[in-house]
């Protein structure tokens, strides 16, 4: 392999990974606390999930296009791509956290109340630990899908492995397309396997 090409693959792979990590990190910081709050507010739960579902149905390239002209949010570059990727990652994390917390056996909650635990203690010591597998499953889904969606970010100048894919499409060069697609696929598989291993390790016995 051409050393220059190999260097570019490494550089764009790191760019791609950085985009994904920031987007998933921000999405988790928003979605997990929001989901916990929604478990206590059933009246607005349906509407918030509906909004997240709507965001998920918007095609990725269209969402990038919608964000571009917005002041302080849009524009060419990584910040717009991160916002779009974060919006896409919200739904699986939000939904799985809700499922995990709401799925805790009521008898377990009743036992915690009988022991004199406060609402916050029940949340932190009972509900969230038992919901960890579901939360991690949501993070796994969000991470794998974000790795794929992040390839589109190259269309607005955010870099990443999508640079190779768009370049290959423009020049009708299969090898260049594969230079972007193969590392992205490997990254997605590695993330899926790694997060699944962590999920199994942290699952309560």
Protein backbone atom coordinates (compact mmCIF):
# COMPACT_ATOMS: atom_id res chain seq x y z
CA UNK A 1 0.00 0.00 0.00
CA UNK A 2 1.13 3.50 -0.78
CA UNK A 3 2.57 5.01 2.46
CA UNK A 4 0.77 8.28 1.75
CA UNK A 5 -2.55 6.48 1.34
CA UNK A 6 -1.96 4.46 4.52
CA UNK A 7 -1.20 7.66 6.43
CA UNK A 8 -4.39 9.28 5.10
CA UNK A 9 -6.46 6.22 6.08
CA UNK A 10 -5.12 6.38 9.64
CA UNK A 11 -5.71 10.14 9.85
CA UNK A 12 -9.29 9.96 8.54
CA UNK A 13 -10.05 6.92 10.73
CA UNK A 14 -8.99 8.90 13.81
CA UNK A 15 -11.10 11.85 12.64
CA UNK A 16 -14.06 9.50 12.18
CA UNK A 17 -13.56 7.95 15.62
CA UNK A 18 -13.34 11.40 17.22
CA UNK A 19 -16.63 12.49 15.61
CA UNK A 20 -18.36 9.35 16.86
CA UNK A 21 -16.99 9.53 20.42
CA UNK A 22 -17.99 13.18 20.87
CA UNK A 23 -21.47 12.63 19.40
CA UNK A 24 -22.14 9.53 21.53
CA UNK A 25 -20.75 11.17 24.65
CA UNK A 26 -22.96 14.26 24.27
CA UNK A 27 -26.00 12.13 23.36
CA UNK A 28 -25.50 9.95 26.45
CA UNK A 29 -25.15 13.00 28.70
CA UNK A 30 -28.48 14.29 27.37
CA UNK A 31 -30.47 11.08 26.87
CA UNK A 32 -29.74 9.17 30.10
CA UNK A 33 -30.74 11.98 32.53
CA UNK A 34 -33.73 12.82 30.28
CA UNK A 35 -34.87 9.20 30.32
CA UNK A 36 -34.57 9.03 34.10
CA UNK A 37 -36.66 12.22 34.37
CA UNK A 38 -39.26 10.78 31.97
CA UNK A 39 -39.68 7.68 34.12
CA UNK A 40 -41.11 10.06 36.73
CA UNK A 41 -43.25 12.01 34.23
CA UNK A 42 -45.47 9.62 32.32
CA UNK A 43 -47.59 12.47 30.90
CA UNK A 44 -44.83 13.82 28.64
CA UNK A 45 -42.99 10.52 28.03
CA UNK A 46 -44.98 9.69 24.91
CA UNK A 47 -44.41 13.12 23.37
CA UNK A 48 -40.66 13.11 23.97
CA UNK A 49 -40.30 9.63 22.49
CA UNK A 50 -42.41 10.75 19.53
CA UNK A 51 -40.09 13.72 18.94
CA UNK A 52 -37.02 11.48 19.12
CA UNK A 53 -38.68 9.06 16.68
CA UNK A 54 -39.33 11.89 14.22
CA UNK A 55 -35.68 12.97 14.34
CA UNK A 56 -34.65 9.37 13.66
CA UNK A 57 -36.78 9.21 10.50
CA UNK A 58 -35.19 12.27 8.85
CA UNK A 59 -32.60 11.14 6.26
CA UNK A 60 -29.08 11.92 7.48
CA UNK A 61 -28.08 14.03 4.48
CA UNK A 62 -31.33 16.02 4.76
CA UNK A 63 -30.71 16.68 8.47
CA UNK A 64 -27.21 17.96 7.69
CA UNK A 65 -28.80 20.21 5.05
CA UNK A 66 -31.42 21.52 7.50
CA UNK A 67 -28.77 22.41 10.07
CA UNK A 68 -26.38 24.19 7.69
CA UNK A 69 -28.22 27.56 7.48
CA UNK A 70 -29.09 27.76 11.19
CA UNK A 71 -27.24 30.53 13.08
CA UNK A 72 -24.85 29.41 15.86
CA UNK A 73 -25.62 25.74 15.04
CA UNK A 74 -25.14 25.28 11.33
CA UNK A 75 -22.31 25.94 8.93
CA UNK A 76 -19.71 23.84 7.21
CA UNK A 77 -17.54 21.76 9.51
CA UNK A 78 -17.43 19.32 12.39
CA UNK A 79 -19.68 21.12 14.87
CA UNK A 80 -22.72 20.78 12.59
CA UNK A 81 -21.93 17.11 11.97
CA UNK A 82 -21.59 16.43 15.70
CA UNK A 83 -24.98 18.04 16.41
CA UNK A 84 -26.64 15.95 13.68
CA UNK A 85 -24.98 12.73 14.84
CA UNK A 86 -25.93 13.48 18.43
CA UNK A 87 -29.60 13.92 17.43
CA UNK A 88 -29.52 10.56 15.67
CA UNK A 89 -27.96 8.84 18.69
CA UNK A 90 -30.51 10.16 21.19
CA UNK A 91 -33.38 7.76 20.44
CA UNK A 92 -31.75 4.36 21.11
CA UNK A 93 -30.09 5.60 24.31
CA UNK A 94 -33.26 7.32 25.52
CA UNK A 95 -35.53 4.39 24.71
CA UNK A 96 -33.27 1.71 26.19
CA UNK A 97 -32.70 3.68 29.39
CA UNK A 98 -36.46 4.06 29.78
CA UNK A 99 -36.99 0.34 29.16
CA UNK A 100 -34.24 -0.55 31.65
CA UNK A 101 -35.47 1.67 34.49
CA UNK A 102 -39.19 1.01 33.95
CA UNK A 103 -38.50 -2.70 33.61
CA UNK A 104 -37.21 -3.07 37.15
CA UNK A 105 -39.40 -5.54 39.03
CA UNK A 106 -41.95 -3.61 41.18
CA UNK A 107 -41.30 -6.09 43.99
CA UNK A 108 -37.66 -4.95 44.08
CA UNK A 109 -38.76 -1.32 44.39
CA UNK A 110 -41.22 -2.24 47.15
CA UNK A 111 -38.47 -4.06 49.04
CA UNK A 112 -36.24 -0.99 48.75
CA UNK A 113 -39.02 1.25 50.07
CA UNK A 114 -39.65 -1.20 52.92
CA UNK A 115 -35.95 -0.92 53.83
CA UNK A 116 -36.41 2.84 54.21
CA UNK A 117 -34.55 3.91 51.08
CA UNK A 118 -35.35 7.34 49.64
CA UNK A 119 -36.34 7.94 46.03
CA UNK A 120 -32.81 9.00 45.08
CA UNK A 121 -31.30 6.00 46.83
CA UNK A 122 -33.67 3.67 44.99
CA UNK A 123 -32.69 5.30 41.69
CA UNK A 124 -28.92 5.16 42.21
CA UNK A 125 -28.62 1.91 44.18
CA UNK A 126 -31.41 -0.19 42.67
CA UNK A 127 -32.92 1.03 39.41
CA UNK A 128 -29.86 2.30 37.53
CA UNK A 129 -27.62 -0.69 38.42
CA UNK A 130 -30.34 -3.08 37.23
CA UNK A 131 -30.87 -0.98 34.09
CA UNK A 132 -27.17 -0.99 33.13
CA UNK A 133 -27.47 -3.84 30.56
CA UNK A 134 -30.33 -2.06 28.77
CA UNK A 135 -28.49 1.29 28.85
CA UNK A 136 -25.33 -0.29 27.43
CA UNK A 137 -27.41 -2.02 24.72
CA UNK A 138 -28.74 1.40 23.74
CA UNK A 139 -25.22 2.84 23.67
CA UNK A 140 -24.10 -0.09 21.51
CA UNK A 141 -26.88 0.45 18.98
CA UNK A 142 -26.27 4.20 18.91
CA UNK A 143 -22.50 3.78 18.46
CA UNK A 144 -22.76 1.30 15.59
CA UNK A 145 -25.34 3.36 13.72
CA UNK A 146 -23.41 6.59 14.34
CA UNK A 147 -20.25 5.09 12.86
CA UNK A 148 -22.17 4.43 9.65
CA UNK A 149 -23.99 7.77 9.62
CA UNK A 150 -20.76 9.68 10.27
CA UNK A 151 -19.54 8.78 6.78
CA UNK A 152 -22.13 11.25 5.43
CA UNK A 153 -20.54 14.03 7.51
CA UNK A 154 -17.81 14.35 4.90
CA UNK A 155 -20.42 15.97 2.63
CA UNK A 156 -20.36 19.09 4.85
CA UNK A 157 -16.61 19.19 5.36
CA UNK A 158 -16.47 17.31 8.68
CA UNK A 159 -13.83 14.83 7.52
CA UNK A 160 -13.79 11.19 8.49
CA UNK A 161 -13.83 8.07 6.34
CA UNK A 162 -16.66 9.45 4.24
CA UNK A 163 -14.00 11.55 2.46
CA UNK A 164 -12.79 8.38 0.72
CA UNK A 165 -16.33 7.25 -0.08
CA UNK A 166 -17.38 10.55 -1.67
CA UNK A 167 -14.06 10.81 -3.48
CA UNK A 168 -14.47 7.29 -4.82
CA UNK A 169 -18.03 7.98 -5.98
CA UNK A 170 -16.91 11.17 -7.74
CA UNK A 171 -14.10 9.37 -9.57
CA UNK A 172 -15.96 6.03 -9.97
CA UNK A 173 -13.07 4.35 -8.13
CA UNK A 174 -14.08 1.23 -6.21
CA UNK A 175 -10.73 0.96 -4.41
CA UNK A 176 -11.11 4.46 -2.98
CA UNK A 177 -14.66 3.71 -1.84
CA UNK A 178 -13.43 0.57 -0.10
CA UNK A 179 -10.63 2.55 1.58
CA UNK A 180 -13.38 4.38 3.46
CA UNK A 181 -16.01 1.67 3.75
CA UNK A 182 -13.80 -1.16 5.04
CA UNK A 183 -12.25 0.73 8.02
CA UNK A 184 -15.74 2.06 8.92
CA UNK A 185 -17.15 -1.49 8.87
CA UNK A 186 -14.25 -2.80 10.99
CA UNK A 187 -14.74 0.06 13.45
CA UNK A 188 -18.48 -0.71 13.72
CA UNK A 189 -17.86 -4.43 14.29
CA UNK A 190 -15.16 -3.73 16.89
CA UNK A 191 -17.45 -1.28 18.72
CA UNK A 192 -20.32 -3.77 18.66
CA UNK A 193 -18.20 -6.63 20.02
CA UNK A 194 -16.45 -4.46 22.59
CA UNK A 195 -19.61 -2.90 23.99
CA UNK A 196 -21.37 -6.28 24.00
CA UNK A 197 -18.48 -7.71 26.08
CA UNK A 198 -18.74 -4.79 28.53
CA UNK A 199 -22.52 -5.24 28.65
CA UNK A 200 -22.14 -8.91 29.62
CA UNK A 201 -19.48 -8.13 32.22
CA UNK A 202 -21.63 -5.46 33.90
CA UNK A 203 -24.90 -7.39 33.78
CA UNK A 204 -26.04 -8.29 37.29
CA UNK A 205 -25.98 -11.98 38.10
